Amino acid sequence: MSLSTDATPAAAPTAAGVAPLAAKAAGLRKVYGRTVAVEGIDLEVPTGSVLGMLGPNGSGKTTLIRMLLGLTRPSAGTAELLGASVPDAVANALPHVGALVEGPGFHPFLSGRENLRRVAAAEPLLTSAQIPGAVGTALERVGLTHAADRRFRGYSLGMKQRLGLAGALLVPRKLVVLDEPTNGLDPAGTRDVRRIIGELHAGGATVIVSSHLLAEVEATCTHVAVLQSGSLVAAGELRSLLDAGTGGLVVVTPDVDLALTTLRDAGATAFRDAGAEPAVVVSDGPAAPEIVALLVRAGVAVHEVRRRRPRLEELFAQLTEGSS
């Protein structure tokens, strides 16, 4: 399943008028013994998009990410990263990719700054003279300057996660891949990750982020890919997927009780909206013009009628409910 490119303004068209891809999977499959971790996934990630990769534990998110990065060889299928074939030519793309996958791994007896300097020394895009400045900037960006000279073994889970994120941001990247980046972070840390993703997107970078925090994905991502039991069940531009959801109608009215009685007597499924304004939600029943006419005839003051767009949490539940 391909991702729509309708809402990716940062993606520049190619000569053929088609937006370039930051990553691509074609028929990717991974089998461990008798366990199928990923089953035949087709996925295209447009350049400049922020893709939220969603799915319950064991859905195949991390395995898919590892195959895209060349860390795990697929049992079948092909992958591309920034136009380079994976894994054969992935070395050409990796200097332009920052990744935090399955938690950071650092030396426990070195400080955060010393650990980051070791990571920076392996960066082909950094000269020796640039390393101190790059390390300092990355530490400041993730909010770790105050703890930079403490030993890593004394870091909390959230601080370790921040240091791993700093390692992914040592140099400007074309693609940043973050596997559960808010794991162990407090609300302030989660806001920092949201800010960093926004900065990367504004700068034209592509971001792939897997997360269990659906509200954060909805707030930061332009596209989503939903995995379940190793299969891709939906993918696309987030706004389009939400607009296509069966959210029903919202009727704004001060006569909520009368509206509910009228609609239910007509066989519609209606309930009081939980929002701040007085309104009812009609999730099933007659067509919108008939609903309005029905309410007006009953003396209900109808101030506004609009389509109700479901939240990502509702869409996710619809897509994964009942899947094996």
C-alpha atoms as a PDB file:
ATOM      1  CA  MET A   1       0.000   0.000   0.000  1.00  0.00           C
ATOM      2  CA  SER A   2       1.434   3.367  -1.000  1.00  0.00           C
ATOM      3  CA  LEU A   3       1.324   6.610   0.889  1.00  0.00           C
ATOM      4  CA  SER A   4      -0.498   9.488  -0.720  1.00  0.00           C
ATOM      5  CA  THR A   5       1.656  12.545  -1.400  1.00  0.00           C
ATOM      6  CA  ASP A   6      -1.175  15.089  -1.418  1.00  0.00           C
ATOM      7  CA  ALA A   7      -0.049  16.870   1.767  1.00  0.00           C
ATOM      8  CA  THR A   8       3.722  16.803   1.630  1.00  0.00           C
ATOM      9  CA  PRO A   9       4.715  20.317   0.582  1.00  0.00           C
ATOM     10  CA  ALA A  10       8.355  19.703   1.467  1.00  0.00           C
ATOM     11  CA  ALA A  11       8.640  16.990  -1.180  1.00  0.00           C
ATOM     12  CA  ALA A  12      10.031  18.502  -4.367  1.00  0.00           C
ATOM     13  CA  PRO A  13       8.768  16.981  -7.640  1.00  0.00           C
ATOM     14  CA  THR A  14      11.205  15.099  -9.827  1.00  0.00           C
ATOM     15  CA  ALA A  15      11.633  15.818 -13.506  1.00  0.00           C
ATOM     16  CA  ALA A  16       8.755  13.440 -14.214  1.00  0.00           C
ATOM     17  CA  GLY A  17       6.502  15.329 -11.800  1.00  0.00           C
ATOM     18  CA  VAL A  18       6.476  12.529  -9.232  1.00  0.00           C
ATOM     19  CA  ALA A  19       7.538  13.257  -5.665  1.00  0.00           C
ATOM     20  CA  PRO A  20      10.771  11.429  -4.747  1.00  0.00           C
ATOM     21  CA  LEU A  21      10.755   8.769  -2.069  1.00  0.00           C
ATOM     22  CA  ALA A  22      12.765   8.766   1.140  1.00  0.00           C
ATOM     23  CA  ALA A  23      12.130   5.053   1.674  1.00  0.00           C
ATOM     24  CA  LYS A  24      10.386   2.230  -0.132  1.00  0.00           C
ATOM     25  CA  ALA A  25       9.432  -1.342   0.692  1.00  0.00           C
ATOM     26  CA  ALA A  26       8.224  -3.785  -1.943  1.00  0.00           C
ATOM     27  CA  GLY A  27       6.927  -7.149  -0.807  1.00  0.00           C
ATOM     28  CA  LEU A  28       9.068  -7.110   2.342  1.00  0.00           C
ATOM     29  CA  ARG A  29       8.773 -10.308   4.335  1.00  0.00           C
ATOM     30  CA  LYS A  30      10.680 -11.533   7.380  1.00  0.00           C
ATOM     31  CA  VAL A  31      10.416 -14.998   8.881  1.00  0.00           C
ATOM     32  CA  TYR A  32      12.084 -16.218  12.069  1.00  0.00           C
ATOM     33  CA  GLY A  33      11.782 -19.986  12.107  1.00  0.00           C
ATOM     34  CA  ARG A  34       8.030 -20.606  11.960  1.00  0.00           C
ATOM     35  CA  THR A  35       7.156 -17.065  12.994  1.00  0.00           C
ATOM     36  CA  VAL A  36       6.237 -14.565  10.274  1.00  0.00           C
ATOM     37  CA  ALA A  37       7.249 -11.172  11.693  1.00  0.00           C
ATOM     38  CA  VAL A  38       6.467  -9.133   8.550  1.00  0.00           C
ATOM     39  CA  GLU A  39       4.293 -10.349   5.686  1.00  0.00           C
ATOM     40  CA  GLY A  40       4.574  -8.838   2.200  1.00  0.00           C
ATOM     41  CA  ILE A  41       4.591  -5.126   3.028  1.00  0.00           C
ATOM     42  CA  ASP A  42       4.496  -2.525   0.238  1.00  0.00           C
ATOM     43  CA  LEU A  43       5.143   0.986   1.517  1.00  0.00           C
ATOM     44  CA  GLU A  44       6.314   4.276   0.002  1.00  0.00           C
ATOM     45  CA  VAL A  45       7.459   7.170   2.197  1.00  0.00           C
ATOM     46  CA  PRO A  46       7.468  10.527   0.349  1.00  0.00           C
ATOM     47  CA  THR A  47      10.387  12.869   0.873  1.00  0.00           C
ATOM     48  CA  GLY A  48       9.528  15.580   3.396  1.00  0.00           C
ATOM     49  CA  SER A  49       6.755  13.630   5.093  1.00  0.00           C
ATOM     50  CA  VAL A  50       6.454  12.708   8.758  1.00  0.00           C
ATOM     51  CA  LEU A  51       5.282   9.103   8.843  1.00  0.00           C
ATOM     52  CA  GLY A  52       3.793   7.708  12.034  1.00  0.00           C
ATOM     53  CA  MET A  53       4.177   3.940  12.143  1.00  0.00           C
ATOM     54  CA  LEU A  54       1.455   2.514  14.377  1.00  0.00           C
ATOM     55  CA  GLY A  55       0.638  -0.930  15.676  1.00  0.00           C
ATOM     56  CA  PRO A  56       0.411  -2.959  18.876  1.00  0.00           C
ATOM     57  CA  ASN A  57       3.409  -4.794  20.295  1.00  0.00           C
ATOM     58  CA  GLY A  58       4.424  -7.610  17.976  1.00  0.00           C
ATOM     59  CA  SER A  59       2.859  -5.984  14.907  1.00  0.00           C
ATOM     60  CA  GLY A  60       6.196  -5.839  13.053  1.00  0.00           C
ATOM     61  CA  LYS A  61       7.029  -2.129  13.319  1.00  0.00           C
ATOM     62  CA  THR A  62      10.594  -2.514  14.576  1.00  0.00           C
ATOM     63  CA  THR A  63      11.340  -5.409  12.214  1.00  0.00           C
ATOM     64  CA  LEU A  64      10.155  -3.315   9.267  1.00  0.00           C
ATOM     65  CA  ILE A  65      12.278  -0.362  10.390  1.00  0.00           C
ATOM     66  CA  ARG A  66      15.336  -2.598  10.771  1.00  0.00           C
ATOM     67  CA  MET A  67      14.868  -3.967   7.248  1.00  0.00           C
ATOM     68  CA  LEU A  68      14.531  -0.455   5.794  1.00  0.00           C
ATOM     69  CA  LEU A  69      17.781   0.548   7.525  1.00  0.00           C
ATOM     70  CA  GLY A  70      19.647  -2.566   6.394  1.00  0.00           C
ATOM     71  CA  LEU A  71      20.028  -3.859   9.953  1.00  0.00           C
ATOM     72  CA  THR A  72      17.998  -6.989   9.207  1.00  0.00           C
ATOM     73  CA  ARG A  73      18.057  -8.854   5.914  1.00  0.00           C
ATOM     74  CA  PRO A  74      14.554  -9.606   4.593  1.00  0.00           C
ATOM     75  CA  SER A  75      13.440 -13.152   3.827  1.00  0.00           C
ATOM     76  CA  ALA A  76      11.824 -11.809   0.647  1.00  0.00           C
ATOM     77  CA  GLY A  77      11.158  -8.481  -1.064  1.00  0.00           C
ATOM     78  CA  THR A  78      13.241  -5.375  -1.636  1.00  0.00           C
ATOM     79  CA  ALA A  79      13.830  -2.034   0.076  1.00  0.00           C
ATOM     80  CA  GLU A  80      15.287   1.346  -0.832  1.00  0.00           C
ATOM     81  CA  LEU A  81      16.587   4.098   1.416  1.00  0.00           C
ATOM     82  CA  LEU A  82      17.127   7.577  -0.054  1.00  0.00           C
ATOM     83  CA  GLY A  83      17.255   5.943  -3.474  1.00  0.00           C
ATOM     84  CA  ALA A  84      19.873   3.363  -2.467  1.00  0.00           C
ATOM     85  CA  SER A  85      19.171  -0.358  -2.648  1.00  0.00           C
ATOM     86  CA  VAL A  86      19.048  -2.034   0.774  1.00  0.00           C
ATOM     87  CA  PRO A  87      21.180  -3.731   1.962  1.00  0.00           C
ATOM     88  CA  ASP A  88      23.597  -3.793  -1.017  1.00  0.00           C
ATOM     89  CA  ALA A  89      24.103  -0.028  -1.419  1.00  0.00           C
ATOM     90  CA  VAL A  90      22.773   1.168   1.929  1.00  0.00           C
ATOM     91  CA  ALA A  91      26.233   2.467   2.942  1.00  0.00           C
ATOM     92  CA  ASN A  92      25.729   5.298   0.432  1.00  0.00           C
ATOM     93  CA  ALA A  93      22.593   6.459   2.234  1.00  0.00           C
ATOM     94  CA  LEU A  94      23.411   5.900   5.910  1.00  0.00           C
ATOM     95  CA  PRO A  95      25.546   9.060   6.433  1.00  0.00           C
ATOM     96  CA  HIS A  96      22.369  11.032   5.694  1.00  0.00           C
ATOM     97  CA  VAL A  97      20.197   8.973   8.051  1.00  0.00           C
ATOM     98  CA  GLY A  98      19.861   9.427  11.794  1.00  0.00           C
ATOM     99  CA  ALA A  99      18.251   6.584  13.696  1.00  0.00           C
ATOM    100  CA  LEU A 100      17.209   5.635  17.206  1.00  0.00           C
ATOM    101  CA  VAL A 101      16.092   2.005  17.120  1.00  0.00           C
ATOM    102  CA  GLU A 102      15.288  -0.255  20.098  1.00  0.00           C
ATOM    103  CA  GLY A 103      16.788   2.140  22.620  1.00  0.00           C
ATOM    104  CA  PRO A 104      20.258   3.685  22.797  1.00  0.00           C
ATOM    105  CA  GLY A 105      23.379   1.709  23.637  1.00  0.00           C
ATOM    106  CA  PHE A 106      26.243   3.575  25.290  1.00  0.00           C
ATOM    107  CA  HIS A 107      29.223   2.902  27.550  1.00  0.00           C
ATOM    108  CA  PRO A 108      27.953   3.037  31.165  1.00  0.00           C
ATOM    109  CA  PHE A 109      31.160   4.436  32.702  1.00  0.00           C
ATOM    110  CA  LEU A 110      31.560   7.294  30.237  1.00  0.00           C
ATOM    111  CA  SER A 111      29.720  10.571  30.521  1.00  0.00           C
ATOM    112  CA  GLY A 112      26.968  11.532  28.124  1.00  0.00           C
ATOM    113  CA  ARG A 113      29.293  13.986  26.386  1.00  0.00           C
ATOM    114  CA  GLU A 114      32.097  11.408  26.059  1.00  0.00           C
ATOM    115  CA  ASN A 115      29.688   8.842  24.668  1.00  0.00           C
ATOM    116  CA  LEU A 116      28.381  11.317  22.143  1.00  0.00           C
ATOM    117  CA  ARG A 117      31.914  12.265  21.099  1.00  0.00           C
ATOM    118  CA  ARG A 118      32.604   8.596  20.319  1.00  0.00           C
ATOM    119  CA  VAL A 119      29.493   8.461  18.180  1.00  0.00           C
ATOM    120  CA  ALA A 120      30.485  11.699  16.459  1.00  0.00           C
ATOM    121  CA  ALA A 121      33.963  10.335  15.685  1.00  0.00           C
ATOM    122  CA  ALA A 122      32.308   7.707  13.491  1.00  0.00           C
ATOM    123  CA  GLU A 123      30.282  10.282  11.543  1.00  0.00           C
ATOM    124  CA  PRO A 124      31.692  10.563   8.003  1.00  0.00           C
ATOM    125  CA  LEU A 125      30.122  14.009   7.568  1.00  0.00           C
ATOM    126  CA  LEU A 126      31.962  15.483  10.590  1.00  0.00           C
ATOM    127  CA  THR A 127      35.593  16.574  10.728  1.00  0.00           C
ATOM    128  CA  SER A 128      37.540  16.281  13.979  1.00  0.00           C
ATOM    129  CA  ALA A 129      37.382  20.040  14.442  1.00  0.00           C
ATOM    130  CA  GLN A 130      33.603  20.024  14.113  1.00  0.00           C
ATOM    131  CA  ILE A 131      32.962  17.313  16.715  1.00  0.00           C
ATOM    132  CA  PRO A 132      32.953  19.431  19.937  1.00  0.00           C
ATOM    133  CA  GLY A 133      30.527  21.945  18.473  1.00  0.00           C
ATOM    134  CA  ALA A 134      28.246  19.275  17.006  1.00  0.00           C
ATOM    135  CA  VAL A 135      28.146  17.407  20.317  1.00  0.00           C
ATOM    136  CA  GLY A 136      27.357  20.548  22.299  1.00  0.00           C
ATOM    137  CA  THR A 137      24.595  21.573  19.903  1.00  0.00           C
ATOM    138  CA  ALA A 138      22.999  18.112  19.951  1.00  0.00           C
ATOM    139  CA  LEU A 139      23.071  17.972  23.760  1.00  0.00           C
ATOM    140  CA  GLU A 140      21.443  21.387  24.004  1.00  0.00           C
ATOM    141  CA  ARG A 141      18.824  20.464  21.434  1.00  0.00           C
ATOM    142  CA  VAL A 142      17.603  17.493  23.487  1.00  0.00           C
ATOM    143  CA  GLY A 143      17.869  19.250  26.840  1.00  0.00           C
ATOM    144  CA  LEU A 144      20.857  17.358  28.263  1.00  0.00           C
ATOM    145  CA  THR A 145      23.449  20.101  28.656  1.00  0.00           C
ATOM    146  CA  HIS A 146      23.036  20.116  32.433  1.00  0.00           C
ATOM    147  CA  ALA A 147      23.790  16.374  32.669  1.00  0.00           C
ATOM    148  CA  ALA A 148      26.312  16.091  29.854  1.00  0.00           C
ATOM    149  CA  ASP A 149      29.267  15.335  32.125  1.00  0.00           C
ATOM    150  CA  ARG A 150      27.516  12.774  34.322  1.00  0.00           C
ATOM    151  CA  ARG A 151      28.187   9.079  33.788  1.00  0.00           C
ATOM    152  CA  PHE A 152      25.698   7.348  31.530  1.00  0.00           C
ATOM    153  CA  ARG A 153      25.059   4.616  34.118  1.00  0.00           C
ATOM    154  CA  GLY A 154      23.469   7.237  36.367  1.00  0.00           C
ATOM    155  CA  TYR A 155      21.054   8.440  33.707  1.00  0.00           C
ATOM    156  CA  SER A 156      17.330   7.819  34.018  1.00  0.00           C
ATOM    157  CA  LEU A 157      15.533   6.000  31.200  1.00  0.00           C
ATOM    158  CA  GLY A 158      14.318   9.307  29.825  1.00  0.00           C
ATOM    159  CA  MET A 159      17.824  10.815  29.878  1.00  0.00           C
ATOM    160  CA  LYS A 160      19.204   7.759  28.069  1.00  0.00           C
ATOM    161  CA  GLN A 161      16.515   8.191  25.453  1.00  0.00           C
ATOM    162  CA  ARG A 162      17.420  11.865  25.056  1.00  0.00           C
ATOM    163  CA  LEU A 163      21.094  10.970  24.556  1.00  0.00           C
ATOM    164  CA  GLY A 164      20.144   8.431  21.889  1.00  0.00           C
ATOM    165  CA  LEU A 165      18.112  11.107  20.137  1.00  0.00           C
ATOM    166  CA  ALA A 166      21.090  13.481  20.318  1.00  0.00           C
ATOM    167  CA  GLY A 167      23.193  10.848  18.564  1.00  0.00           C
ATOM    168  CA  ALA A 168      20.705  10.768  15.694  1.00  0.00           C
ATOM    169  CA  LEU A 169      20.874  14.565  15.348  1.00  0.00           C
ATOM    170  CA  LEU A 170      24.633  15.167  15.326  1.00  0.00           C
ATOM    171  CA  VAL A 171      24.557  16.349  11.706  1.00  0.00           C
ATOM    172  CA  PRO A 172      21.748  17.571   9.430  1.00  0.00           C
ATOM    173  CA  ARG A 173      19.892  14.514   8.117  1.00  0.00           C
ATOM    174  CA  LYS A 174      17.750  13.834   5.088  1.00  0.00           C
ATOM    175  CA  LEU A 175      15.932  11.089   6.990  1.00  0.00           C
ATOM    176  CA  VAL A 176      15.476  10.539  10.734  1.00  0.00           C
ATOM    177  CA  VAL A 177      14.052   7.248  12.011  1.00  0.00           C
ATOM    178  CA  LEU A 178      12.822   7.150  15.618  1.00  0.00           C
ATOM    179  CA  ASP A 179      11.570   3.922  17.178  1.00  0.00           C
ATOM    180  CA  GLU A 180       9.461   4.805  20.237  1.00  0.00           C
ATOM    181  CA  PRO A 181      11.397   8.058  20.899  1.00  0.00           C
ATOM    182  CA  THR A 182       9.202   9.104  23.849  1.00  0.00           C
ATOM    183  CA  ASN A 183       9.788   5.869  25.784  1.00  0.00           C
ATOM    184  CA  GLY A 184      10.598   6.813  29.394  1.00  0.00           C
ATOM    185  CA  LEU A 185      10.151  10.543  28.830  1.00  0.00           C
ATOM    186  CA  ASP A 186       8.104  12.787  31.086  1.00  0.00           C
ATOM    187  CA  PRO A 187       5.575  15.222  29.536  1.00  0.00           C
ATOM    188  CA  ALA A 188       8.280  17.867  29.083  1.00  0.00           C
ATOM    189  CA  GLY A 189      10.463  15.372  27.254  1.00  0.00           C
ATOM    190  CA  THR A 190       7.569  14.336  25.055  1.00  0.00           C
ATOM    191  CA  ARG A 191       6.998  17.992  24.145  1.00  0.00           C
ATOM    192  CA  ASP A 192      10.694  18.284  23.271  1.00  0.00           C
ATOM    193  CA  VAL A 193      10.433  15.330  20.891  1.00  0.00           C
ATOM    194  CA  ARG A 194       7.372  16.911  19.286  1.00  0.00           C
ATOM    195  CA  ARG A 195       9.289  20.164  18.871  1.00  0.00           C
ATOM    196  CA  ILE A 196      12.297  18.397  17.334  1.00  0.00           C
ATOM    197  CA  ILE A 197      10.122  16.485  14.872  1.00  0.00           C
ATOM    198  CA  GLY A 198       8.478  19.771  13.890  1.00  0.00           C
ATOM    199  CA  GLU A 199      11.873  21.400  13.354  1.00  0.00           C
ATOM    200  CA  LEU A 200      13.065  18.498  11.212  1.00  0.00           C
ATOM    201  CA  HIS A 201       9.911  18.614   9.104  1.00  0.00           C
ATOM    202  CA  ALA A 202      10.154  22.392   8.679  1.00  0.00           C
ATOM    203  CA  GLY A 203      13.743  21.947   7.513  1.00  0.00           C
ATOM    204  CA  GLY A 204      12.689  19.509   4.783  1.00  0.00           C
ATOM    205  CA  ALA A 205      13.818  16.272   6.436  1.00  0.00           C
ATOM    206  CA  THR A 206      11.739  13.114   6.310  1.00  0.00           C
ATOM    207  CA  VAL A 207      10.870  11.549   9.665  1.00  0.00           C
ATOM    208  CA  ILE A 208       9.672   8.014  10.372  1.00  0.00           C
ATOM    209  CA  VAL A 209       8.476   7.611  13.940  1.00  0.00           C
ATOM    210  CA  SER A 210       6.909   4.577  15.582  1.00  0.00           C
ATOM    211  CA  SER A 211       4.874   5.293  18.667  1.00  0.00           C
ATOM    212  CA  HIS A 212       2.113   4.052  20.968  1.00  0.00           C
ATOM    213  CA  LEU A 213       1.076   7.651  21.726  1.00  0.00           C
ATOM    214  CA  LEU A 214      -1.651   8.197  19.152  1.00  0.00           C
ATOM    215  CA  ALA A 215      -2.281  11.787  20.234  1.00  0.00           C
ATOM    216  CA  GLU A 216       1.380  12.639  19.587  1.00  0.00           C
ATOM    217  CA  VAL A 217       1.266  10.984  16.166  1.00  0.00           C
ATOM    218  CA  GLU A 218      -1.875  12.916  15.292  1.00  0.00           C
ATOM    219  CA  ALA A 219      -0.227  16.163  16.391  1.00  0.00           C
ATOM    220  CA  THR A 220       3.073  15.688  14.543  1.00  0.00           C
ATOM    221  CA  CYS A 221       2.643  13.354  11.556  1.00  0.00           C
ATOM    222  CA  THR A 222       1.516  14.034   7.989  1.00  0.00           C
ATOM    223  CA  HIS A 223       1.169  10.334   7.104  1.00  0.00           C
ATOM    224  CA  VAL A 224       0.501   7.084   8.946  1.00  0.00           C
ATOM    225  CA  ALA A 225       1.073   3.386   8.357  1.00  0.00           C
ATOM    226  CA  VAL A 226      -0.865   0.947  10.535  1.00  0.00           C
ATOM    227  CA  LEU A 227       0.527  -2.550  11.082  1.00  0.00           C
ATOM    228  CA  GLN A 228      -1.233  -5.525  12.611  1.00  0.00           C
ATOM    229  CA  SER A 229       0.209  -9.031  13.009  1.00  0.00           C
ATOM    230  CA  GLY A 230       2.997  -8.273  10.529  1.00  0.00           C
ATOM    231  CA  SER A 231       0.726  -6.921   7.796  1.00  0.00           C
ATOM    232  CA  LEU A 232       0.051  -3.381   6.642  1.00  0.00           C
ATOM    233  CA  VAL A 233      -3.668  -2.749   7.172  1.00  0.00           C
ATOM    234  CA  ALA A 234      -3.735   0.926   6.132  1.00  0.00           C
ATOM    235  CA  ALA A 235      -1.406   3.657   4.961  1.00  0.00           C
ATOM    236  CA  GLY A 236      -1.872   7.135   3.639  1.00  0.00           C
ATOM    237  CA  GLU A 237      -1.970  10.836   4.256  1.00  0.00           C
ATOM    238  CA  LEU A 238      -3.327  11.296   7.766  1.00  0.00           C
ATOM    239  CA  ARG A 239      -5.874  13.983   6.975  1.00  0.00           C
ATOM    240  CA  SER A 240      -7.369  11.936   4.134  1.00  0.00           C
ATOM    241  CA  LEU A 241      -7.628   8.809   6.271  1.00  0.00           C
ATOM    242  CA  LEU A 242      -9.366  10.695   9.060  1.00  0.00           C
ATOM    243  CA  ASP A 243     -11.744  12.437   6.644  1.00  0.00           C
ATOM    244  CA  ALA A 244     -12.682   9.057   5.189  1.00  0.00           C
ATOM    245  CA  GLY A 245     -13.471   7.649   8.626  1.00  0.00           C
ATOM    246  CA  THR A 246     -17.064   6.963   9.582  1.00  0.00           C
ATOM    247  CA  GLY A 247     -17.340   9.783  12.094  1.00  0.00           C
ATOM    248  CA  GLY A 248     -20.983  10.743  11.479  1.00  0.00           C
ATOM    249  CA  LEU A 249     -22.374  14.242  11.885  1.00  0.00           C
ATOM    250  CA  VAL A 250     -22.111  16.859  14.615  1.00  0.00           C
ATOM    251  CA  VAL A 251     -25.214  18.981  15.146  1.00  0.00           C
ATOM    252  CA  VAL A 252     -24.570  22.087  17.217  1.00  0.00           C
ATOM    253  CA  THR A 253     -27.718  23.070  19.103  1.00  0.00           C
ATOM    254  CA  PRO A 254     -28.724  24.449  22.507  1.00  0.00           C
ATOM    255  CA  ASP A 255     -31.634  21.969  22.491  1.00  0.00           C
ATOM    256  CA  VAL A 256     -29.538  18.861  23.044  1.00  0.00           C
ATOM    257  CA  ASP A 257     -32.149  16.840  24.942  1.00  0.00           C
ATOM    258  CA  LEU A 258     -34.896  17.526  22.396  1.00  0.00           C
ATOM    259  CA  ALA A 259     -32.508  16.739  19.539  1.00  0.00           C
ATOM    260  CA  LEU A 260     -31.543  13.410  21.097  1.00  0.00           C
ATOM    261  CA  THR A 261     -35.159  12.409  21.655  1.00  0.00           C
ATOM    262  CA  THR A 262     -36.160  13.401  18.113  1.00  0.00           C
ATOM    263  CA  LEU A 263     -33.272  11.584  16.459  1.00  0.00           C
ATOM    264  CA  ARG A 264     -33.630   8.411  18.491  1.00  0.00           C
ATOM    265  CA  ASP A 265     -37.389   8.296  17.867  1.00  0.00           C
ATOM    266  CA  ALA A 266     -36.545   8.422  14.138  1.00  0.00           C
ATOM    267  CA  GLY A 267     -34.250   5.412  14.490  1.00  0.00           C
ATOM    268  CA  ALA A 268     -30.939   7.292  14.390  1.00  0.00           C
ATOM    269  CA  THR A 269     -27.987   6.474  16.638  1.00  0.00           C
ATOM    270  CA  ALA A 270     -27.229   9.705  18.489  1.00  0.00           C
ATOM    271  CA  PHE A 271     -25.366  10.718  21.609  1.00  0.00           C
ATOM    272  CA  ARG A 272     -24.325  13.866  23.444  1.00  0.00           C
ATOM    273  CA  ASP A 273     -21.031  15.296  22.170  1.00  0.00           C
ATOM    274  CA  ALA A 274     -18.266  15.455  24.784  1.00  0.00           C
ATOM    275  CA  GLY A 275     -16.918  18.744  23.439  1.00  0.00           C
ATOM    276  CA  ALA A 276     -17.215  22.171  24.990  1.00  0.00           C
ATOM    277  CA  GLU A 277     -20.091  23.374  22.801  1.00  0.00           C
ATOM    278  CA  PRO A 278     -23.611  21.930  23.199  1.00  0.00           C
ATOM    279  CA  ALA A 279     -24.018  19.405  20.385  1.00  0.00           C
ATOM    280  CA  VAL A 280     -25.124  15.898  19.495  1.00  0.00           C
ATOM    281  CA  VAL A 281     -23.327  13.326  17.356  1.00  0.00           C
ATOM    282  CA  VAL A 282     -25.325  11.298  14.850  1.00  0.00           C
ATOM    283  CA  SER A 283     -23.355   8.188  13.890  1.00  0.00           C
ATOM    284  CA  ASP A 284     -26.094   6.333  11.993  1.00  0.00           C
ATOM    285  CA  GLY A 285     -29.498   7.083  10.541  1.00  0.00           C
ATOM    286  CA  PRO A 286     -31.049   9.205   7.752  1.00  0.00           C
ATOM    287  CA  ALA A 287     -29.017  11.329   5.323  1.00  0.00           C
ATOM    288  CA  ALA A 288     -27.838  14.747   6.519  1.00  0.00           C
ATOM    289  CA  PRO A 289     -30.595  16.813   4.803  1.00  0.00           C
ATOM    290  CA  GLU A 290     -33.264  14.574   6.323  1.00  0.00           C
ATOM    291  CA  ILE A 291     -31.706  14.911   9.783  1.00  0.00           C
ATOM    292  CA  VAL A 292     -31.742  18.705   9.546  1.00  0.00           C
ATOM    293  CA  ALA A 293     -35.342  18.779   8.308  1.00  0.00           C
ATOM    294  CA  LEU A 294     -36.385  16.354  11.064  1.00  0.00           C
ATOM    295  CA  LEU A 295     -34.821  18.517  13.777  1.00  0.00           C
ATOM    296  CA  VAL A 296     -36.221  21.787  12.431  1.00  0.00           C
ATOM    297  CA  ARG A 297     -39.753  20.333  12.258  1.00  0.00           C
ATOM    298  CA  ALA A 298     -39.381  19.249  15.895  1.00  0.00           C
ATOM    299  CA  GLY A 299     -38.494  22.806  16.918  1.00  0.00           C
ATOM    300  CA  VAL A 300     -34.780  22.156  17.507  1.00  0.00           C
ATOM    301  CA  ALA A 301     -32.621  25.230  16.953  1.00  0.00           C
ATOM    302  CA  VAL A 302     -29.902  23.974  14.582  1.00  0.00           C
ATOM    303  CA  HIS A 303     -26.898  26.312  14.697  1.00  0.00           C
ATOM    304  CA  GLU A 304     -24.448  24.217  12.704  1.00  0.00           C
ATOM    305  CA  VAL A 305     -24.109  20.801  11.047  1.00  0.00           C
ATOM    306  CA  ARG A 306     -20.723  19.401  10.087  1.00  0.00           C
ATOM    307  CA  ARG A 307     -19.071  16.094   9.392  1.00  0.00           C
ATOM    308  CA  ARG A 308     -17.426  14.640  12.456  1.00  0.00           C
ATOM    309  CA  ARG A 309     -13.864  13.587  11.752  1.00  0.00           C
ATOM    310  CA  PRO A 310     -12.819  10.747  14.065  1.00  0.00           C
ATOM    311  CA  ARG A 311      -9.716  11.028  16.174  1.00  0.00           C
ATOM    312  CA  LEU A 312      -6.738   8.872  15.257  1.00  0.00           C
ATOM    313  CA  GLU A 313      -7.468   6.698  18.279  1.00  0.00           C
ATOM    314  CA  GLU A 314     -10.905   5.846  16.868  1.00  0.00           C
ATOM    315  CA  LEU A 315      -9.477   5.189  13.398  1.00  0.00           C
ATOM    316  CA  PHE A 316      -6.774   2.956  14.834  1.00  0.00           C
ATOM    317  CA  ALA A 317      -9.355   0.952  16.761  1.00  0.00           C
ATOM    318  CA  GLN A 318     -11.473   0.532  13.623  1.00  0.00           C
ATOM    319  CA  LEU A 319      -8.505  -0.669  11.592  1.00  0.00           C
ATOM    320  CA  THR A 320      -7.151  -3.149  14.123  1.00  0.00           C
ATOM    321  CA  GLU A 321     -10.348  -4.361  15.772  1.00  0.00           C
ATOM    322  CA  GLY A 322     -10.925  -8.027  15.175  1.00  0.00           C
ATOM    323  CA  SER A 323      -7.601  -8.537  13.347  1.00  0.00           C
ATOM    324  CA  SER A 324      -5.695 -11.624  14.293  1.00  0.00           C
END
